[in-house]
N, C-alpha and C. Protein backbone atom coordinates (compact mmCIF):
# COMPACT_ATOMS: atom_id res chain seq x y z
N MET A 1 -18.64 -3.83 -18.56
CA MET A 1 -17.43 -3.45 -17.81
C MET A 1 -17.85 -2.78 -16.50
N ARG A 2 -17.17 -3.12 -15.43
CA ARG A 2 -17.50 -2.52 -14.14
C ARG A 2 -16.94 -1.10 -14.04
N THR A 3 -17.48 -0.30 -13.15
CA THR A 3 -17.00 1.06 -12.93
C THR A 3 -15.70 1.01 -12.13
N ILE A 4 -14.67 1.68 -12.62
CA ILE A 4 -13.37 1.70 -11.94
C ILE A 4 -13.15 3.08 -11.35
N LYS A 5 -13.02 3.13 -10.03
CA LYS A 5 -12.76 4.38 -9.32
C LYS A 5 -11.31 4.51 -8.88
N HIS A 6 -10.62 3.36 -8.73
CA HIS A 6 -9.25 3.36 -8.23
C HIS A 6 -8.35 2.44 -9.04
N ILE A 7 -7.15 2.91 -9.26
CA ILE A 7 -6.06 2.06 -9.76
C ILE A 7 -5.08 2.01 -8.60
N VAL A 8 -4.91 0.83 -8.03
CA VAL A 8 -4.19 0.70 -6.77
C VAL A 8 -2.84 0.01 -6.99
N LEU A 9 -1.79 0.65 -6.47
CA LEU A 9 -0.45 0.07 -6.52
C LEU A 9 -0.15 -0.64 -5.22
N HIS A 10 0.47 -1.80 -5.36
CA HIS A 10 0.80 -2.67 -4.22
C HIS A 10 2.24 -3.15 -4.36
N CYS A 11 2.73 -3.72 -3.25
CA CYS A 11 3.93 -4.55 -3.28
C CYS A 11 3.53 -5.88 -2.67
N THR A 12 4.30 -6.91 -2.93
CA THR A 12 3.98 -8.23 -2.37
C THR A 12 4.50 -8.40 -0.94
N ALA A 13 5.32 -7.43 -0.48
CA ALA A 13 5.95 -7.52 0.85
C ALA A 13 6.73 -8.82 0.99
N THR A 14 7.48 -9.12 -0.06
CA THR A 14 8.34 -10.31 -0.11
C THR A 14 9.67 -9.90 -0.71
N SER A 15 10.56 -10.84 -0.80
CA SER A 15 11.80 -10.65 -1.54
C SER A 15 11.48 -10.47 -3.03
N ARG A 16 12.35 -9.77 -3.73
CA ARG A 16 12.18 -9.63 -5.19
C ARG A 16 12.30 -10.97 -5.90
N LEU A 17 12.89 -11.95 -5.23
CA LEU A 17 13.11 -13.27 -5.84
C LEU A 17 11.90 -14.20 -5.70
N THR A 18 10.88 -13.76 -4.97
CA THR A 18 9.69 -14.59 -4.78
C THR A 18 9.03 -14.86 -6.13
N THR A 19 8.52 -16.06 -6.31
CA THR A 19 7.90 -16.42 -7.59
C THR A 19 6.40 -16.12 -7.58
N VAL A 20 5.88 -15.90 -8.76
CA VAL A 20 4.44 -15.68 -8.91
C VAL A 20 3.69 -16.92 -8.43
N ASN A 21 4.18 -18.10 -8.76
CA ASN A 21 3.50 -19.34 -8.34
C ASN A 21 3.43 -19.46 -6.82
N SER A 22 4.48 -19.07 -6.12
CA SER A 22 4.45 -19.17 -4.66
C SER A 22 3.44 -18.18 -4.06
N ILE A 23 3.30 -17.01 -4.67
CA ILE A 23 2.32 -16.03 -4.23
C ILE A 23 0.91 -16.56 -4.47
N LEU A 24 0.66 -17.11 -5.65
CA LEU A 24 -0.65 -17.69 -5.96
C LEU A 24 -0.99 -18.83 -5.00
N ARG A 25 0.00 -19.66 -4.72
CA ARG A 25 -0.20 -20.79 -3.81
C ARG A 25 -0.55 -20.28 -2.40
N TYR A 26 0.13 -19.24 -1.94
CA TYR A 26 -0.15 -18.65 -0.62
C TYR A 26 -1.60 -18.16 -0.54
N TRP A 27 -2.05 -17.42 -1.56
CA TRP A 27 -3.42 -16.92 -1.55
C TRP A 27 -4.43 -18.07 -1.49
N LYS A 28 -4.19 -19.09 -2.28
CA LYS A 28 -5.14 -20.20 -2.38
C LYS A 28 -5.11 -21.10 -1.15
N GLU A 29 -3.89 -21.50 -0.73
CA GLU A 29 -3.78 -22.50 0.33
C GLU A 29 -3.82 -21.90 1.74
N GLU A 30 -3.18 -20.75 1.93
CA GLU A 30 -3.13 -20.15 3.27
C GLU A 30 -4.31 -19.23 3.54
N LEU A 31 -4.61 -18.35 2.59
CA LEU A 31 -5.68 -17.38 2.79
C LEU A 31 -7.04 -17.89 2.34
N LYS A 32 -7.03 -18.99 1.55
CA LYS A 32 -8.27 -19.60 1.05
C LYS A 32 -9.06 -18.67 0.11
N TRP A 33 -8.33 -17.80 -0.60
CA TRP A 33 -8.97 -16.90 -1.56
C TRP A 33 -9.30 -17.66 -2.83
N LYS A 34 -10.45 -17.35 -3.41
CA LYS A 34 -10.84 -17.94 -4.69
C LYS A 34 -10.26 -17.13 -5.86
N SER A 35 -10.02 -15.83 -5.64
CA SER A 35 -9.46 -14.95 -6.67
C SER A 35 -8.12 -14.40 -6.21
N PRO A 36 -7.24 -14.04 -7.14
CA PRO A 36 -5.95 -13.46 -6.77
C PRO A 36 -6.11 -12.11 -6.08
N GLY A 37 -5.05 -11.67 -5.43
CA GLY A 37 -5.04 -10.38 -4.76
C GLY A 37 -4.86 -9.22 -5.71
N TYR A 38 -4.32 -9.47 -6.89
CA TYR A 38 -4.04 -8.40 -7.85
C TYR A 38 -4.47 -8.83 -9.25
N HIS A 39 -4.69 -7.85 -10.09
CA HIS A 39 -4.95 -8.12 -11.50
C HIS A 39 -3.63 -8.36 -12.24
N TYR A 40 -2.62 -7.56 -11.87
CA TYR A 40 -1.30 -7.68 -12.49
C TYR A 40 -0.24 -7.74 -11.40
N ILE A 41 0.79 -8.52 -11.67
CA ILE A 41 1.96 -8.57 -10.81
C ILE A 41 3.17 -8.37 -11.70
N ILE A 42 4.16 -7.63 -11.20
CA ILE A 42 5.33 -7.28 -12.00
C ILE A 42 6.57 -7.91 -11.39
N LYS A 43 7.21 -8.76 -12.16
CA LYS A 43 8.43 -9.42 -11.72
C LYS A 43 9.60 -8.43 -11.70
N ALA A 44 10.69 -8.79 -11.04
CA ALA A 44 11.86 -7.92 -10.91
C ALA A 44 12.43 -7.52 -12.27
N ASP A 45 12.29 -8.39 -13.28
CA ASP A 45 12.81 -8.08 -14.61
C ASP A 45 11.84 -7.21 -15.42
N GLY A 46 10.71 -6.81 -14.80
CA GLY A 46 9.74 -5.95 -15.47
C GLY A 46 8.63 -6.70 -16.18
N GLU A 47 8.71 -8.02 -16.23
CA GLU A 47 7.66 -8.79 -16.90
C GLU A 47 6.35 -8.64 -16.14
N GLU A 48 5.30 -8.28 -16.84
CA GLU A 48 3.98 -8.20 -16.22
C GLU A 48 3.29 -9.54 -16.39
N VAL A 49 2.63 -9.97 -15.34
CA VAL A 49 1.86 -11.20 -15.39
C VAL A 49 0.42 -10.84 -15.06
N ASN A 50 -0.47 -11.09 -16.00
CA ASN A 50 -1.89 -10.81 -15.80
C ASN A 50 -2.50 -12.00 -15.05
N LEU A 51 -2.90 -11.76 -13.81
CA LEU A 51 -3.44 -12.83 -12.97
C LEU A 51 -4.95 -12.96 -13.06
N LEU A 52 -5.63 -11.87 -13.46
CA LEU A 52 -7.08 -11.86 -13.48
C LEU A 52 -7.53 -10.76 -14.44
N PRO A 53 -8.52 -11.03 -15.29
CA PRO A 53 -9.02 -9.97 -16.16
C PRO A 53 -9.53 -8.79 -15.32
N ILE A 54 -9.35 -7.57 -15.81
CA ILE A 54 -9.79 -6.41 -15.04
C ILE A 54 -11.31 -6.33 -14.93
N SER A 55 -12.02 -7.11 -15.72
CA SER A 55 -13.48 -7.16 -15.61
C SER A 55 -13.94 -7.93 -14.37
N MET A 56 -13.00 -8.63 -13.72
CA MET A 56 -13.31 -9.42 -12.53
C MET A 56 -12.76 -8.73 -11.28
N VAL A 57 -13.29 -9.09 -10.14
CA VAL A 57 -12.90 -8.47 -8.87
C VAL A 57 -11.80 -9.29 -8.21
N SER A 58 -10.72 -8.61 -7.81
CA SER A 58 -9.63 -9.27 -7.08
C SER A 58 -9.71 -8.90 -5.60
N ASN A 59 -8.74 -9.38 -4.82
CA ASN A 59 -8.74 -9.19 -3.37
C ASN A 59 -7.68 -8.18 -2.90
N GLY A 60 -7.59 -7.03 -3.53
CA GLY A 60 -6.52 -6.09 -3.24
C GLY A 60 -6.67 -5.24 -2.00
N VAL A 61 -7.83 -4.62 -1.79
CA VAL A 61 -8.07 -3.75 -0.63
C VAL A 61 -9.48 -4.03 -0.12
N ALA A 62 -9.58 -4.57 1.06
CA ALA A 62 -10.88 -4.92 1.63
C ALA A 62 -11.84 -3.73 1.56
N GLY A 63 -13.03 -3.99 1.02
CA GLY A 63 -14.06 -2.96 0.92
C GLY A 63 -13.98 -2.08 -0.30
N HIS A 64 -12.93 -2.25 -1.12
CA HIS A 64 -12.74 -1.39 -2.29
C HIS A 64 -12.45 -2.17 -3.56
N ASN A 65 -12.68 -3.46 -3.54
CA ASN A 65 -12.29 -4.28 -4.69
C ASN A 65 -13.25 -4.22 -5.86
N SER A 66 -14.51 -3.97 -5.61
CA SER A 66 -15.49 -3.99 -6.71
C SER A 66 -15.27 -2.87 -7.71
N ASN A 67 -14.53 -1.82 -7.31
CA ASN A 67 -14.33 -0.69 -8.22
C ASN A 67 -12.84 -0.35 -8.40
N SER A 68 -11.98 -1.34 -8.24
CA SER A 68 -10.53 -1.09 -8.32
C SER A 68 -9.82 -2.08 -9.22
N ILE A 69 -8.73 -1.59 -9.81
CA ILE A 69 -7.76 -2.44 -10.51
C ILE A 69 -6.52 -2.46 -9.64
N HIS A 70 -5.95 -3.64 -9.42
CA HIS A 70 -4.82 -3.80 -8.51
C HIS A 70 -3.57 -4.25 -9.27
N ILE A 71 -2.49 -3.50 -9.07
CA ILE A 71 -1.21 -3.77 -9.72
C ILE A 71 -0.14 -3.86 -8.64
N SER A 72 0.62 -4.94 -8.61
CA SER A 72 1.65 -5.11 -7.59
C SER A 72 3.00 -5.40 -8.22
N TYR A 73 4.05 -4.95 -7.54
CA TYR A 73 5.40 -5.37 -7.91
C TYR A 73 5.86 -6.40 -6.88
N ILE A 74 6.68 -7.34 -7.32
CA ILE A 74 7.24 -8.32 -6.40
C ILE A 74 8.39 -7.65 -5.65
N GLY A 75 8.27 -7.61 -4.34
CA GLY A 75 9.27 -6.96 -3.50
C GLY A 75 8.57 -6.10 -2.47
N GLY A 76 9.29 -5.09 -1.98
CA GLY A 76 8.70 -4.14 -1.06
C GLY A 76 9.21 -4.23 0.37
N ILE A 77 10.14 -5.17 0.63
CA ILE A 77 10.77 -5.24 1.95
C ILE A 77 12.27 -5.47 1.78
N ASP A 78 13.04 -5.03 2.79
CA ASP A 78 14.47 -5.29 2.76
C ASP A 78 14.78 -6.66 3.38
N GLN A 79 16.06 -6.98 3.52
CA GLN A 79 16.46 -8.30 4.03
C GLN A 79 16.03 -8.53 5.47
N ASN A 80 15.66 -7.46 6.19
CA ASN A 80 15.18 -7.58 7.57
C ASN A 80 13.67 -7.54 7.67
N GLY A 81 12.99 -7.51 6.53
CA GLY A 81 11.53 -7.48 6.52
C GLY A 81 10.94 -6.09 6.70
N LYS A 82 11.78 -5.06 6.65
CA LYS A 82 11.33 -3.68 6.81
C LYS A 82 10.79 -3.16 5.48
N PRO A 83 9.63 -2.48 5.49
CA PRO A 83 9.09 -1.93 4.24
C PRO A 83 10.10 -1.00 3.57
N THR A 84 10.42 -1.31 2.31
CA THR A 84 11.41 -0.57 1.54
C THR A 84 11.01 -0.61 0.07
N ASP A 85 11.18 0.51 -0.59
CA ASP A 85 10.91 0.56 -2.03
C ASP A 85 12.03 -0.19 -2.75
N THR A 86 11.76 -1.41 -3.15
CA THR A 86 12.77 -2.25 -3.81
C THR A 86 12.52 -2.37 -5.31
N ARG A 87 11.69 -1.49 -5.87
CA ARG A 87 11.38 -1.59 -7.30
C ARG A 87 12.64 -1.45 -8.14
N THR A 88 12.75 -2.30 -9.12
CA THR A 88 13.84 -2.21 -10.10
C THR A 88 13.42 -1.24 -11.19
N PRO A 89 14.37 -0.68 -11.94
CA PRO A 89 13.99 0.18 -13.06
C PRO A 89 13.01 -0.50 -14.04
N PRO A 90 13.19 -1.79 -14.36
CA PRO A 90 12.19 -2.43 -15.23
C PRO A 90 10.80 -2.51 -14.59
N GLN A 91 10.72 -2.73 -13.28
CA GLN A 91 9.42 -2.75 -12.62
C GLN A 91 8.75 -1.37 -12.69
N ILE A 92 9.53 -0.34 -12.47
CA ILE A 92 8.99 1.03 -12.54
C ILE A 92 8.49 1.32 -13.95
N ALA A 93 9.26 0.94 -14.95
CA ALA A 93 8.84 1.17 -16.34
C ALA A 93 7.53 0.45 -16.64
N THR A 94 7.37 -0.76 -16.14
CA THR A 94 6.13 -1.50 -16.36
C THR A 94 4.98 -0.86 -15.60
N GLN A 95 5.23 -0.41 -14.38
CA GLN A 95 4.19 0.30 -13.64
C GLN A 95 3.70 1.51 -14.43
N ILE A 96 4.62 2.29 -14.94
CA ILE A 96 4.26 3.49 -15.71
C ILE A 96 3.45 3.11 -16.93
N ARG A 97 3.87 2.09 -17.64
CA ARG A 97 3.15 1.66 -18.84
C ARG A 97 1.72 1.22 -18.50
N LEU A 98 1.59 0.39 -17.45
CA LEU A 98 0.26 -0.07 -17.05
C LEU A 98 -0.61 1.09 -16.57
N LEU A 99 -0.03 2.01 -15.81
CA LEU A 99 -0.79 3.16 -15.33
C LEU A 99 -1.29 4.01 -16.50
N LYS A 100 -0.41 4.27 -17.45
CA LYS A 100 -0.84 5.06 -18.62
C LYS A 100 -1.99 4.37 -19.35
N LYS A 101 -1.90 3.07 -19.51
CA LYS A 101 -2.94 2.31 -20.18
C LYS A 101 -4.27 2.42 -19.43
N PHE A 102 -4.25 2.17 -18.12
CA PHE A 102 -5.50 2.18 -17.37
C PHE A 102 -6.01 3.59 -17.09
N MET A 103 -5.12 4.57 -16.99
CA MET A 103 -5.56 5.95 -16.83
C MET A 103 -6.25 6.45 -18.10
N ALA A 104 -5.81 5.96 -19.25
CA ALA A 104 -6.48 6.32 -20.51
C ALA A 104 -7.85 5.65 -20.59
N MET A 105 -7.94 4.41 -20.12
CA MET A 105 -9.20 3.68 -20.14
C MET A 105 -10.21 4.22 -19.13
N PHE A 106 -9.69 4.66 -17.98
CA PHE A 106 -10.54 5.11 -16.87
C PHE A 106 -10.03 6.47 -16.38
N PRO A 107 -10.25 7.53 -17.17
CA PRO A 107 -9.66 8.84 -16.85
C PRO A 107 -10.13 9.44 -15.52
N GLU A 108 -11.24 8.99 -15.00
CA GLU A 108 -11.74 9.51 -13.72
C GLU A 108 -11.17 8.74 -12.53
N ALA A 109 -10.49 7.64 -12.77
CA ALA A 109 -9.97 6.81 -11.68
C ALA A 109 -8.82 7.51 -10.96
N GLU A 110 -8.77 7.33 -9.66
CA GLU A 110 -7.70 7.88 -8.83
C GLU A 110 -6.64 6.80 -8.62
N VAL A 111 -5.37 7.18 -8.76
CA VAL A 111 -4.27 6.25 -8.54
C VAL A 111 -3.83 6.40 -7.08
N LEU A 112 -3.85 5.29 -6.36
CA LEU A 112 -3.51 5.29 -4.94
C LEU A 112 -2.60 4.11 -4.61
N GLY A 113 -1.92 4.22 -3.50
CA GLY A 113 -1.24 3.07 -2.92
C GLY A 113 -2.19 2.37 -1.98
N HIS A 114 -1.96 1.11 -1.73
CA HIS A 114 -2.80 0.34 -0.81
C HIS A 114 -2.93 1.08 0.52
N ARG A 115 -1.82 1.64 1.00
CA ARG A 115 -1.81 2.30 2.31
C ARG A 115 -2.61 3.60 2.34
N ASP A 116 -3.02 4.11 1.19
CA ASP A 116 -3.75 5.38 1.13
C ASP A 116 -5.24 5.24 1.42
N PHE A 117 -5.73 4.02 1.60
CA PHE A 117 -7.15 3.82 1.88
C PHE A 117 -7.41 3.95 3.38
N PRO A 118 -8.57 4.49 3.74
CA PRO A 118 -8.91 4.65 5.16
C PRO A 118 -8.85 3.32 5.90
N GLY A 119 -8.25 3.35 7.08
CA GLY A 119 -8.21 2.17 7.92
C GLY A 119 -7.08 1.19 7.61
N VAL A 120 -6.34 1.42 6.53
CA VAL A 120 -5.25 0.50 6.17
C VAL A 120 -4.02 0.88 6.99
N THR A 121 -3.43 -0.10 7.65
CA THR A 121 -2.24 0.14 8.48
C THR A 121 -0.97 -0.43 7.86
N LYS A 122 -1.07 -0.99 6.67
CA LYS A 122 0.09 -1.55 5.99
C LYS A 122 0.93 -0.44 5.36
N ALA A 123 2.21 -0.73 5.10
CA ALA A 123 3.09 0.21 4.41
C ALA A 123 2.98 0.08 2.89
N CYS A 124 2.31 -0.91 2.43
CA CYS A 124 2.17 -1.24 1.01
C CYS A 124 1.72 -0.01 0.20
N PRO A 125 2.41 0.34 -0.85
CA PRO A 125 3.43 -0.39 -1.62
C PRO A 125 4.88 -0.06 -1.26
N SER A 126 5.11 0.45 -0.06
CA SER A 126 6.45 0.80 0.43
C SER A 126 7.05 2.03 -0.25
N PHE A 127 6.20 2.87 -0.82
CA PHE A 127 6.60 4.20 -1.31
C PHE A 127 5.35 5.06 -1.37
N ASP A 128 5.55 6.38 -1.41
CA ASP A 128 4.43 7.32 -1.45
C ASP A 128 3.98 7.49 -2.90
N VAL A 129 2.85 6.93 -3.22
CA VAL A 129 2.36 6.92 -4.61
C VAL A 129 2.11 8.33 -5.12
N ARG A 130 1.48 9.18 -4.33
CA ARG A 130 1.16 10.54 -4.80
C ARG A 130 2.42 11.33 -5.15
N THR A 131 3.43 11.24 -4.30
CA THR A 131 4.69 11.94 -4.57
C THR A 131 5.35 11.36 -5.81
N TRP A 132 5.37 10.05 -5.91
CA TRP A 132 5.99 9.39 -7.06
C TRP A 132 5.29 9.78 -8.36
N LEU A 133 3.96 9.81 -8.35
CA LEU A 133 3.21 10.19 -9.56
C LEU A 133 3.61 11.56 -10.05
N LYS A 134 3.80 12.50 -9.14
CA LYS A 134 4.23 13.85 -9.54
C LYS A 134 5.61 13.81 -10.16
N SER A 135 6.49 12.97 -9.62
CA SER A 135 7.87 12.91 -10.12
C SER A 135 7.95 12.28 -11.50
N VAL A 136 7.01 11.40 -11.83
CA VAL A 136 7.03 10.79 -13.16
C VAL A 136 6.03 11.47 -14.10
N LYS A 137 5.40 12.52 -13.59
CA LYS A 137 4.51 13.37 -14.38
C LYS A 137 3.34 12.63 -15.01
N LEU A 138 2.79 11.67 -14.25
CA LEU A 138 1.57 10.99 -14.71
C LEU A 138 0.35 11.76 -14.26
N LYS A 139 0.48 12.57 -13.23
CA LYS A 139 -0.64 13.35 -12.68
C LYS A 139 -0.23 14.77 -12.51
């Protein structure tokens, strides 16, 4: 098992109605990635889809993928494309469940949003992860 230093939360920066298949197709055909951007993606109804085993490296945050687990929710922008926390209650519940699972497996890992890494200029995951963690009492 690889060393995990970060559990990273993301959004897809798409509509909540975007399909997992269309996201996978974008990564493969447009970005030419061999691996998915996330280990898990969470649909609007809260269903988690495991895209890649956590033992493998995904393409979540440039320069930090070898030691990170990446979890994304589908959504993160409003109808005008502006970064907005569009998580549904089922998505939040799944995020919490996955975080508890991975925090138990990797107690030294830090939970961050994509935007919390140095040099990242994206709004992803469209909410402040540190503040949210305190509100849900995971940290």
